[in-house]
């Protein structure tokens, strides 16, 4: 198991910029898609709940894209992790607004 992990880590290390750029661009693409494909519940909700349903998933994807770009640029790990945790918070807020 450790040999496999070391192998993937070396591949990621060698192609860090490419992997980060592809992941970031993919996340931005999904963010744009989710701006167009809005769940039906957004029309039924009001206020903050409607905004979370309408924009929460896209916000999550934009934050994931930022984390990927920061990782590719070798930004401090603390920055990357902070942005990634923020994406998780945005996604949880989206899920709660959608399903509660």
PDB file of N, CA and C in Angstrom:
ATOM      1  N   UNK A   1       0.827  -1.200   0.000  1.00  0.00           N
ATOM      2  CA  UNK A   1       0.000   0.000   0.000  1.00  0.00           C
ATOM      3  C   UNK A   1       0.872   1.265   0.000  1.00  0.00           C
ATOM      4  N   UNK A   2       1.918   1.268   0.783  1.00  0.00           N
ATOM      5  CA  UNK A   2       2.750   2.466   0.826  1.00  0.00           C
ATOM      6  C   UNK A   2       3.468   2.701  -0.493  1.00  0.00           C
ATOM      7  N   UNK A   3       3.804   1.622  -1.207  1.00  0.00           N
ATOM      8  CA  UNK A   3       4.459   1.775  -2.509  1.00  0.00           C
ATOM      9  C   UNK A   3       3.525   2.444  -3.510  1.00  0.00           C
ATOM     10  N   UNK A   4       2.229   2.054  -3.489  1.00  0.00           N
ATOM     11  CA  UNK A   4       1.250   2.674  -4.379  1.00  0.00           C
ATOM     12  C   UNK A   4       1.088   4.148  -4.067  1.00  0.00           C
ATOM     13  N   UNK A   5       0.991   4.469  -2.792  1.00  0.00           N
ATOM     14  CA  UNK A   5       0.824   5.879  -2.396  1.00  0.00           C
ATOM     15  C   UNK A   5       2.042   6.693  -2.796  1.00  0.00           C
ATOM     16  N   UNK A   6       3.219   6.120  -2.609  1.00  0.00           N
ATOM     17  CA  UNK A   6       4.444   6.824  -2.999  1.00  0.00           C
ATOM     18  C   UNK A   6       4.479   7.035  -4.504  1.00  0.00           C
ATOM     19  N   UNK A   7       3.999   6.053  -5.258  1.00  0.00           N
ATOM     20  CA  UNK A   7       3.956   6.186  -6.708  1.00  0.00           C
ATOM     21  C   UNK A   7       3.047   7.311  -7.164  1.00  0.00           C
ATOM     22  N   UNK A   8       1.835   7.370  -6.586  1.00  0.00           N
ATOM     23  CA  UNK A   8       0.900   8.441  -6.945  1.00  0.00           C
ATOM     24  C   UNK A   8       1.427   9.800  -6.512  1.00  0.00           C
ATOM     25  N   UNK A   9       2.022   9.840  -5.351  1.00  0.00           N
ATOM     26  CA  UNK A   9       2.563  11.121  -4.878  1.00  0.00           C
ATOM     27  C   UNK A   9       3.671  11.628  -5.790  1.00  0.00           C
ATOM     28  N   UNK A  10       4.493  10.741  -6.285  1.00  0.00           N
ATOM     29  CA  UNK A  10       5.559  11.187  -7.179  1.00  0.00           C
ATOM     30  C   UNK A  10       4.983  11.663  -8.516  1.00  0.00           C
ATOM     31  N   UNK A  11       3.929  10.982  -8.999  1.00  0.00           N
ATOM     32  CA  UNK A  11       3.269  11.432 -10.231  1.00  0.00           C
ATOM     33  C   UNK A  11       2.665  12.820 -10.021  1.00  0.00           C
ATOM     34  N   UNK A  12       1.966  13.001  -8.896  1.00  0.00           N
ATOM     35  CA  UNK A  12       1.374  14.312  -8.601  1.00  0.00           C
ATOM     36  C   UNK A  12       2.450  15.381  -8.440  1.00  0.00           C
ATOM     37  N   UNK A  13       3.549  15.033  -7.805  1.00  0.00           N
ATOM     38  CA  UNK A  13       4.627  15.993  -7.614  1.00  0.00           C
ATOM     39  C   UNK A  13       5.241  16.406  -8.947  1.00  0.00           C
ATOM     40  N   UNK A  14       5.412  15.437  -9.854  1.00  0.00           N
ATOM     41  CA  UNK A  14       6.007  15.759 -11.163  1.00  0.00           C
ATOM     42  C   UNK A  14       5.082  16.589 -12.040  1.00  0.00           C
ATOM     43  N   UNK A  15       3.774  16.372 -11.898  1.00  0.00           N
ATOM     44  CA  UNK A  15       2.807  17.038 -12.770  1.00  0.00           C
ATOM     45  C   UNK A  15       1.879  17.958 -11.979  1.00  0.00           C
ATOM     46  N   UNK A  16       2.386  18.550 -10.945  1.00  0.00           N
ATOM     47  CA  UNK A  16       1.585  19.352 -10.025  1.00  0.00           C
ATOM     48  C   UNK A  16       0.821  20.470 -10.734  1.00  0.00           C
ATOM     49  N   UNK A  17       1.493  21.224 -11.574  1.00  0.00           N
ATOM     50  CA  UNK A  17       0.833  22.343 -12.262  1.00  0.00           C
ATOM     51  C   UNK A  17      -0.276  21.865 -13.186  1.00  0.00           C
ATOM     52  N   UNK A  18      -0.017  20.820 -13.942  1.00  0.00           N
ATOM     53  CA  UNK A  18      -1.013  20.295 -14.870  1.00  0.00           C
ATOM     54  C   UNK A  18      -2.226  19.750 -14.106  1.00  0.00           C
ATOM     55  N   UNK A  19      -1.973  18.940 -13.087  1.00  0.00           N
ATOM     56  CA  UNK A  19      -3.068  18.361 -12.308  1.00  0.00           C
ATOM     57  C   UNK A  19      -3.882  19.460 -11.631  1.00  0.00           C
ATOM     58  N   UNK A  20      -3.211  20.441 -11.040  1.00  0.00           N
ATOM     59  CA  UNK A  20      -3.909  21.545 -10.387  1.00  0.00           C
ATOM     60  C   UNK A  20      -4.728  22.372 -11.369  1.00  0.00           C
ATOM     61  N   UNK A  21      -4.149  22.627 -12.536  1.00  0.00           N
ATOM     62  CA  UNK A  21      -4.871  23.410 -13.544  1.00  0.00           C
ATOM     63  C   UNK A  21      -6.089  22.658 -14.069  1.00  0.00           C
ATOM     64  N   UNK A  22      -5.932  21.361 -14.351  1.00  0.00           N
ATOM     65  CA  UNK A  22      -7.062  20.568 -14.851  1.00  0.00           C
ATOM     66  C   UNK A  22      -8.159  20.476 -13.796  1.00  0.00           C
ATOM     67  N   UNK A  23      -7.773  20.231 -12.547  1.00  0.00           N
ATOM     68  CA  UNK A  23      -8.759  20.152 -11.466  1.00  0.00           C
ATOM     69  C   UNK A  23      -9.468  21.498 -11.277  1.00  0.00           C
ATOM     70  N   UNK A  24      -8.716  22.586 -11.324  1.00  0.00           N
ATOM     71  CA  UNK A  24      -9.309  23.909 -11.163  1.00  0.00           C
ATOM     72  C   UNK A  24     -10.255  24.267 -12.294  1.00  0.00           C
ATOM     73  N   UNK A  25      -9.851  23.986 -13.510  1.00  0.00           N
ATOM     74  CA  UNK A  25     -10.702  24.285 -14.665  1.00  0.00           C
ATOM     75  C   UNK A  25     -11.959  23.411 -14.638  1.00  0.00           C
ATOM     76  N   UNK A  26     -11.793  22.149 -14.266  1.00  0.00           N
ATOM     77  CA  UNK A  26     -12.956  21.265 -14.143  1.00  0.00           C
ATOM     78  C   UNK A  26     -13.927  21.760 -13.087  1.00  0.00           C
ATOM     79  N   UNK A  27     -13.402  22.210 -11.960  1.00  0.00           N
ATOM     80  CA  UNK A  27     -14.265  22.726 -10.894  1.00  0.00           C
ATOM     81  C   UNK A  27     -14.987  23.998 -11.328  1.00  0.00           C
ATOM     82  N   UNK A  28     -14.323  24.858 -12.077  1.00  0.00           N
ATOM     83  CA  UNK A  28     -14.981  26.070 -12.576  1.00  0.00           C
ATOM     84  C   UNK A  28     -16.079  25.690 -13.566  1.00  0.00           C
ATOM     85  N   UNK A  29     -15.807  24.704 -14.409  1.00  0.00           N
ATOM     86  CA  UNK A  29     -16.833  24.232 -15.341  1.00  0.00           C
ATOM     87  C   UNK A  29     -18.070  23.731 -14.612  1.00  0.00           C
ATOM     88  N   UNK A  30     -17.859  22.952 -13.554  1.00  0.00           N
ATOM     89  CA  UNK A  30     -18.994  22.461 -12.770  1.00  0.00           C
ATOM     90  C   UNK A  30     -19.709  23.601 -12.047  1.00  0.00           C
ATOM     91  N   UNK A  31     -18.958  24.599 -11.603  1.00  0.00           N
ATOM     92  CA  UNK A  31     -19.583  25.756 -10.955  1.00  0.00           C
ATOM     93  C   UNK A  31     -20.506  26.475 -11.936  1.00  0.00           C
ATOM     94  N   UNK A  32     -20.050  26.644 -13.160  1.00  0.00           N
ATOM     95  CA  UNK A  32     -20.888  27.292 -14.181  1.00  0.00           C
ATOM     96  C   UNK A  32     -22.114  26.442 -14.498  1.00  0.00           C
ATOM     97  N   UNK A  33     -21.918  25.136 -14.584  1.00  0.00           N
ATOM     98  CA  UNK A  33     -23.035  24.238 -14.845  1.00  0.00           C
ATOM     99  C   UNK A  33     -24.093  24.347 -13.741  1.00  0.00           C
ATOM    100  N   UNK A  34     -23.646  24.411 -12.500  1.00  0.00           N
ATOM    101  CA  UNK A  34     -24.597  24.497 -11.387  1.00  0.00           C
ATOM    102  C   UNK A  34     -25.270  25.868 -11.301  1.00  0.00           C
ATOM    103  N   UNK A  35     -24.706  26.880 -11.935  1.00  0.00           N
ATOM    104  CA  UNK A  35     -25.408  28.170 -11.998  1.00  0.00           C
ATOM    105  C   UNK A  35     -26.589  28.087 -12.953  1.00  0.00           C
ATOM    106  N   UNK A  36     -26.483  27.206 -13.952  1.00  0.00           N
ATOM    107  CA  UNK A  36     -27.552  27.037 -14.939  1.00  0.00           C
ATOM    108  C   UNK A  36     -28.572  26.005 -14.468  1.00  0.00           C
ATOM    109  N   UNK A  37     -28.081  24.895 -13.933  1.00  0.00           N
ATOM    110  CA  UNK A  37     -28.960  23.824 -13.456  1.00  0.00           C
ATOM    111  C   UNK A  37     -29.275  24.046 -11.977  1.00  0.00           C
ATOM    112  N   UNK A  38     -30.276  24.837 -11.726  1.00  0.00           N
ATOM    113  CA  UNK A  38     -30.650  25.167 -10.356  1.00  0.00           C
ATOM    114  C   UNK A  38     -31.723  24.189  -9.886  1.00  0.00           C
ATOM    115  N   UNK A  39     -31.565  23.603  -8.694  1.00  0.00           N
ATOM    116  CA  UNK A  39     -32.596  22.695  -8.193  1.00  0.00           C
ATOM    117  C   UNK A  39     -33.959  23.389  -8.081  1.00  0.00           C
ATOM    118  N   UNK A  40     -35.024  22.625  -8.298  1.00  0.00           N
ATOM    119  CA  UNK A  40     -36.389  23.172  -8.216  1.00  0.00           C
ATOM    120  C   UNK A  40     -36.667  23.853  -6.885  1.00  0.00           C
ATOM    121  N   UNK A  41     -36.084  23.335  -5.838  1.00  0.00           N
ATOM    122  CA  UNK A  41     -36.350  23.866  -4.508  1.00  0.00           C
ATOM    123  C   UNK A  41     -35.948  25.328  -4.354  1.00  0.00           C
ATOM    124  N   UNK A  42     -35.066  25.813  -5.208  1.00  0.00           N
ATOM    125  CA  UNK A  42     -34.647  27.210  -5.110  1.00  0.00           C
ATOM    126  C   UNK A  42     -35.826  28.138  -5.370  1.00  0.00           C
ATOM    127  N   UNK A  43     -36.720  27.753  -6.267  1.00  0.00           N
ATOM    128  CA  UNK A  43     -37.898  28.568  -6.554  1.00  0.00           C
ATOM    129  C   UNK A  43     -38.923  28.543  -5.444  1.00  0.00           C
ATOM    130  N   UNK A  44     -38.916  27.493  -4.652  1.00  0.00           N
ATOM    131  CA  UNK A  44     -39.863  27.363  -3.556  1.00  0.00           C
ATOM    132  C   UNK A  44     -39.353  28.002  -2.274  1.00  0.00           C
ATOM    133  N   UNK A  45     -38.046  28.178  -2.146  1.00  0.00           N
ATOM    134  CA  UNK A  45     -37.449  28.737  -0.935  1.00  0.00           C
ATOM    135  C   UNK A  45     -37.371  30.249  -1.021  1.00  0.00           C
ATOM    136  N   UNK A  46     -37.114  30.865   0.122  1.00  0.00           N
ATOM    137  CA  UNK A  46     -36.987  32.323   0.173  1.00  0.00           C
ATOM    138  C   UNK A  46     -35.735  32.706   0.947  1.00  0.00           C
ATOM    139  N   UNK A  47     -35.279  33.916   0.704  1.00  0.00           N
ATOM    140  CA  UNK A  47     -34.193  34.504   1.481  1.00  0.00           C
ATOM    141  C   UNK A  47     -32.870  33.764   1.382  1.00  0.00           C
ATOM    142  N   UNK A  48     -32.237  33.599   2.544  1.00  0.00           N
ATOM    143  CA  UNK A  48     -30.910  32.985   2.607  1.00  0.00           C
ATOM    144  C   UNK A  48     -30.968  31.543   2.104  1.00  0.00           C
ATOM    145  N   UNK A  49     -32.027  30.825   2.438  1.00  0.00           N
ATOM    146  CA  UNK A  49     -32.156  29.429   1.988  1.00  0.00           C
ATOM    147  C   UNK A  49     -32.169  29.359   0.465  1.00  0.00           C
ATOM    148  N   UNK A  50     -32.910  30.245  -0.173  1.00  0.00           N
ATOM    149  CA  UNK A  50     -32.952  30.263  -1.643  1.00  0.00           C
ATOM    150  C   UNK A  50     -31.576  30.574  -2.216  1.00  0.00           C
ATOM    151  N   UNK A  51     -30.863  31.519  -1.603  1.00  0.00           N
ATOM    152  CA  UNK A  51     -29.522  31.872  -2.081  1.00  0.00           C
ATOM    153  C   UNK A  51     -28.555  30.701  -1.918  1.00  0.00           C
ATOM    154  N   UNK A  52     -28.652  29.992  -0.792  1.00  0.00           N
ATOM    155  CA  UNK A  52     -27.778  28.837  -0.576  1.00  0.00           C
ATOM    156  C   UNK A  52     -28.065  27.727  -1.584  1.00  0.00           C
ATOM    157  N   UNK A  53     -29.345  27.512  -1.867  1.00  0.00           N
ATOM    158  CA  UNK A  53     -29.690  26.477  -2.843  1.00  0.00           C
ATOM    159  C   UNK A  53     -29.235  26.886  -4.240  1.00  0.00           C
ATOM    160  N   UNK A  54     -29.404  28.148  -4.567  1.00  0.00           N
ATOM    161  CA  UNK A  54     -29.074  28.628  -5.907  1.00  0.00           C
ATOM    162  C   UNK A  54     -27.564  28.753  -6.142  1.00  0.00           C
ATOM    163  N   UNK A  55     -26.824  29.225  -5.127  1.00  0.00           N
ATOM    164  CA  UNK A  55     -25.408  29.544  -5.336  1.00  0.00           C
ATOM    165  C   UNK A  55     -24.433  28.724  -4.489  1.00  0.00           C
ATOM    166  N   UNK A  56     -24.915  27.966  -3.511  1.00  0.00           N
ATOM    167  CA  UNK A  56     -24.027  27.257  -2.596  1.00  0.00           C
ATOM    168  C   UNK A  56     -23.133  26.235  -3.271  1.00  0.00           C
ATOM    169  N   UNK A  57     -23.689  25.466  -4.179  1.00  0.00           N
ATOM    170  CA  UNK A  57     -22.900  24.447  -4.864  1.00  0.00           C
ATOM    171  C   UNK A  57     -21.850  25.097  -5.758  1.00  0.00           C
ATOM    172  N   UNK A  58     -22.225  26.151  -6.441  1.00  0.00           N
ATOM    173  CA  UNK A  58     -21.255  26.856  -7.293  1.00  0.00           C
ATOM    174  C   UNK A  58     -20.152  27.481  -6.451  1.00  0.00           C
ATOM    175  N   UNK A  59     -20.519  28.049  -5.314  1.00  0.00           N
ATOM    176  CA  UNK A  59     -19.505  28.622  -4.419  1.00  0.00           C
ATOM    177  C   UNK A  59     -18.520  27.543  -3.976  1.00  0.00           C
ATOM    178  N   UNK A  60     -19.042  26.389  -3.630  1.00  0.00           N
ATOM    179  CA  UNK A  60     -18.188  25.264  -3.243  1.00  0.00           C
ATOM    180  C   UNK A  60     -17.204  24.933  -4.360  1.00  0.00           C
ATOM    181  N   UNK A  61     -17.684  24.834  -5.576  1.00  0.00           N
ATOM    182  CA  UNK A  61     -16.823  24.480  -6.717  1.00  0.00           C
ATOM    183  C   UNK A  61     -15.784  25.570  -7.008  1.00  0.00           C
ATOM    184  N   UNK A  62     -16.165  26.823  -6.874  1.00  0.00           N
ATOM    185  CA  UNK A  62     -15.201  27.912  -7.085  1.00  0.00           C
ATOM    186  C   UNK A  62     -14.098  27.844  -6.025  1.00  0.00           C
ATOM    187  N   UNK A  63     -14.483  27.567  -4.785  1.00  0.00           N
ATOM    188  CA  UNK A  63     -13.486  27.438  -3.726  1.00  0.00           C
ATOM    189  C   UNK A  63     -12.574  26.236  -3.961  1.00  0.00           C
ATOM    190  N   UNK A  64     -13.136  25.137  -4.448  1.00  0.00           N
ATOM    191  CA  UNK A  64     -12.305  23.978  -4.789  1.00  0.00           C
ATOM    192  C   UNK A  64     -11.337  24.313  -5.929  1.00  0.00           C
ATOM    193  N   UNK A  65     -11.811  25.083  -6.904  1.00  0.00           N
ATOM    194  CA  UNK A  65     -10.934  25.507  -7.999  1.00  0.00           C
ATOM    195  C   UNK A  65      -9.789  26.366  -7.455  1.00  0.00           C
ATOM    196  N   UNK A  66     -10.122  27.277  -6.564  1.00  0.00           N
ATOM    197  CA  UNK A  66      -9.090  28.127  -5.964  1.00  0.00           C
ATOM    198  C   UNK A  66      -8.082  27.278  -5.196  1.00  0.00           C
ATOM    199  N   UNK A  67      -8.564  26.299  -4.445  1.00  0.00           N
ATOM    200  CA  UNK A  67      -7.654  25.413  -3.714  1.00  0.00           C
ATOM    201  C   UNK A  67      -6.743  24.660  -4.680  1.00  0.00           C
ATOM    202  N   UNK A  68      -7.290  24.197  -5.792  1.00  0.00           N
ATOM    203  CA  UNK A  68      -6.480  23.477  -6.786  1.00  0.00           C
ATOM    204  C   UNK A  68      -5.419  24.389  -7.394  1.00  0.00           C
ATOM    205  N   UNK A  69      -5.807  25.601  -7.728  1.00  0.00           N
ATOM    206  CA  UNK A  69      -4.843  26.544  -8.301  1.00  0.00           C
ATOM    207  C   UNK A  69      -3.765  26.917  -7.283  1.00  0.00           C
ATOM    208  N   UNK A  70      -4.168  27.113  -6.023  1.00  0.00           N
ATOM    209  CA  UNK A  70      -3.186  27.412  -4.981  1.00  0.00           C
ATOM    210  C   UNK A  70      -2.225  26.249  -4.783  1.00  0.00           C
ATOM    211  N   UNK A  71      -2.763  25.028  -4.790  1.00  0.00           N
ATOM    212  CA  UNK A  71      -1.919  23.839  -4.646  1.00  0.00           C
ATOM    213  C   UNK A  71      -0.934  23.747  -5.802  1.00  0.00           C
ATOM    214  N   UNK A  72      -1.410  24.000  -7.017  1.00  0.00           N
ATOM    215  CA  UNK A  72      -0.542  23.941  -8.195  1.00  0.00           C
ATOM    216  C   UNK A  72       0.559  24.993  -8.130  1.00  0.00           C
ATOM    217  N   UNK A  73       0.248  26.131  -7.528  1.00  0.00           N
ATOM    218  CA  UNK A  73       1.220  27.219  -7.426  1.00  0.00           C
ATOM    219  C   UNK A  73       2.135  27.076  -6.208  1.00  0.00           C
ATOM    220  N   UNK A  74       1.971  25.960  -5.480  1.00  0.00           N
ATOM    221  CA  UNK A  74       2.762  25.690  -4.271  1.00  0.00           C
ATOM    222  C   UNK A  74       2.565  26.753  -3.199  1.00  0.00           C
ATOM    223  N   UNK A  75       1.343  27.207  -3.066  1.00  0.00           N
ATOM    224  CA  UNK A  75       1.008  28.158  -1.999  1.00  0.00           C
ATOM    225  C   UNK A  75       1.178  27.440  -0.661  1.00  0.00           C
ATOM    226  N   UNK A  76       1.287  28.198   0.415  1.00  0.00           N
ATOM    227  CA  UNK A  76       1.406  27.552   1.729  1.00  0.00           C
ATOM    228  C   UNK A  76       0.254  26.576   1.982  1.00  0.00           C
ATOM    229  N   UNK A  77       0.600  25.446   2.553  1.00  0.00           N
ATOM    230  CA  UNK A  77      -0.395  24.393   2.798  1.00  0.00           C
ATOM    231  C   UNK A  77      -1.575  24.923   3.608  1.00  0.00           C
ATOM    232  N   UNK A  78      -1.319  25.822   4.505  1.00  0.00           N
ATOM    233  CA  UNK A  78      -2.381  26.406   5.340  1.00  0.00           C
ATOM    234  C   UNK A  78      -3.420  27.122   4.490  1.00  0.00           C
ATOM    235  N   UNK A  79      -2.979  27.812   3.455  1.00  0.00           N
ATOM    236  CA  UNK A  79      -3.909  28.509   2.554  1.00  0.00           C
ATOM    237  C   UNK A  79      -4.776  27.504   1.809  1.00  0.00           C
ATOM    238  N   UNK A  80      -4.116  26.491   1.249  1.00  0.00           N
ATOM    239  CA  UNK A  80      -4.845  25.481   0.476  1.00  0.00           C
ATOM    240  C   UNK A  80      -5.875  24.795   1.361  1.00  0.00           C
ATOM    241  N   UNK A  81      -5.468  24.396   2.540  1.00  0.00           N
ATOM    242  CA  UNK A  81      -6.389  23.708   3.446  1.00  0.00           C
ATOM    243  C   UNK A  81      -7.518  24.626   3.901  1.00  0.00           C
ATOM    244  N   UNK A  82      -7.216  25.892   4.152  1.00  0.00           N
ATOM    245  CA  UNK A  82      -8.253  26.841   4.564  1.00  0.00           C
ATOM    246  C   UNK A  82      -9.326  27.016   3.497  1.00  0.00           C
ATOM    247  N   UNK A  83      -8.898  27.136   2.261  1.00  0.00           N
ATOM    248  CA  UNK A  83      -9.848  27.292   1.157  1.00  0.00           C
ATOM    249  C   UNK A  83     -10.635  25.995   0.951  1.00  0.00           C
ATOM    250  N   UNK A  84      -9.963  24.853   1.066  1.00  0.00           N
ATOM    251  CA  UNK A  84     -10.651  23.568   0.893  1.00  0.00           C
ATOM    252  C   UNK A  84     -11.690  23.351   1.997  1.00  0.00           C
ATOM    253  N   UNK A  85     -11.358  23.687   3.232  1.00  0.00           N
ATOM    254  CA  UNK A  85     -12.338  23.566   4.328  1.00  0.00           C
ATOM    255  C   UNK A  85     -13.500  24.530   4.118  1.00  0.00           C
ATOM    256  N   UNK A  86     -13.231  25.696   3.574  1.00  0.00           N
ATOM    257  CA  UNK A  86     -14.308  26.644   3.272  1.00  0.00           C
ATOM    258  C   UNK A  86     -15.251  26.069   2.219  1.00  0.00           C
ATOM    259  N   UNK A  87     -14.693  25.357   1.251  1.00  0.00           N
ATOM    260  CA  UNK A  87     -15.521  24.696   0.232  1.00  0.00           C
ATOM    261  C   UNK A  87     -16.433  23.662   0.882  1.00  0.00           C
ATOM    262  N   UNK A  88     -15.903  22.928   1.834  1.00  0.00           N
ATOM    263  CA  UNK A  88     -16.724  21.935   2.534  1.00  0.00           C
ATOM    264  C   UNK A  88     -17.858  22.607   3.300  1.00  0.00           C
ATOM    265  N   UNK A  89     -17.569  23.714   3.951  1.00  0.00           N
ATOM    266  CA  UNK A  89     -18.609  24.453   4.684  1.00  0.00           C
ATOM    267  C   UNK A  89     -19.696  24.937   3.723  1.00  0.00           C
ATOM    268  N   UNK A  90     -19.292  25.448   2.571  1.00  0.00           N
ATOM    269  CA  UNK A  90     -20.270  25.909   1.579  1.00  0.00           C
ATOM    270  C   UNK A  90     -21.129  24.752   1.084  1.00  0.00           C
ATOM    271  N   UNK A  91     -20.524  23.594   0.890  1.00  0.00           N
ATOM    272  CA  UNK A  91     -21.285  22.440   0.395  1.00  0.00           C
ATOM    273  C   UNK A  91     -22.260  21.922   1.451  1.00  0.00           C
ATOM    274  N   UNK A  92     -21.824  21.880   2.685  1.00  0.00           N
ATOM    275  CA  UNK A  92     -22.716  21.440   3.762  1.00  0.00           C
ATOM    276  C   UNK A  92     -23.895  22.410   3.892  1.00  0.00           C
ATOM    277  N   UNK A  93     -23.630  23.712   3.779  1.00  0.00           N
ATOM    278  CA  UNK A  93     -24.707  24.697   3.842  1.00  0.00           C
ATOM    279  C   UNK A  93     -25.690  24.488   2.681  1.00  0.00           C
ATOM    280  N   UNK A  94     -25.164  24.213   1.499  1.00  0.00           N
ATOM    281  CA  UNK A  94     -26.011  23.922   0.346  1.00  0.00           C
ATOM    282  C   UNK A  94     -26.881  22.702   0.604  1.00  0.00           C
ATOM    283  N   UNK A  95     -26.273  21.635   1.108  1.00  0.00           N
ATOM    284  CA  UNK A  95     -27.028  20.403   1.379  1.00  0.00           C
ATOM    285  C   UNK A  95     -28.110  20.628   2.428  1.00  0.00           C
ATOM    286  N   UNK A  96     -27.768  21.331   3.495  1.00  0.00           N
ATOM    287  CA  UNK A  96     -28.758  21.598   4.538  1.00  0.00           C
ATOM    288  C   UNK A  96     -29.917  22.423   4.003  1.00  0.00           C
ATOM    289  N   UNK A  97     -29.609  23.439   3.213  1.00  0.00           N
ATOM    290  CA  UNK A  97     -30.670  24.280   2.643  1.00  0.00           C
ATOM    291  C   UNK A  97     -31.526  23.501   1.670  1.00  0.00           C
ATOM    292  N   UNK A  98     -30.923  22.581   0.952  1.00  0.00           N
ATOM    293  CA  UNK A  98     -31.656  21.814  -0.051  1.00  0.00           C
ATOM    294  C   UNK A  98     -32.556  20.740   0.573  1.00  0.00           C
ATOM    295  N   UNK A  99     -32.047  20.055   1.556  1.00  0.00           N
ATOM    296  CA  UNK A  99     -32.771  18.889   2.061  1.00  0.00           C
ATOM    297  C   UNK A  99     -33.481  19.086   3.395  1.00  0.00           C
ATOM    298  N   UNK A 100     -33.340  20.208   4.025  1.00  0.00           N
ATOM    299  CA  UNK A 100     -34.064  20.445   5.278  1.00  0.00           C
ATOM    300  C   UNK A 100     -35.209  21.415   5.093  1.00  0.00           C
TER     301      UNK A 100
END
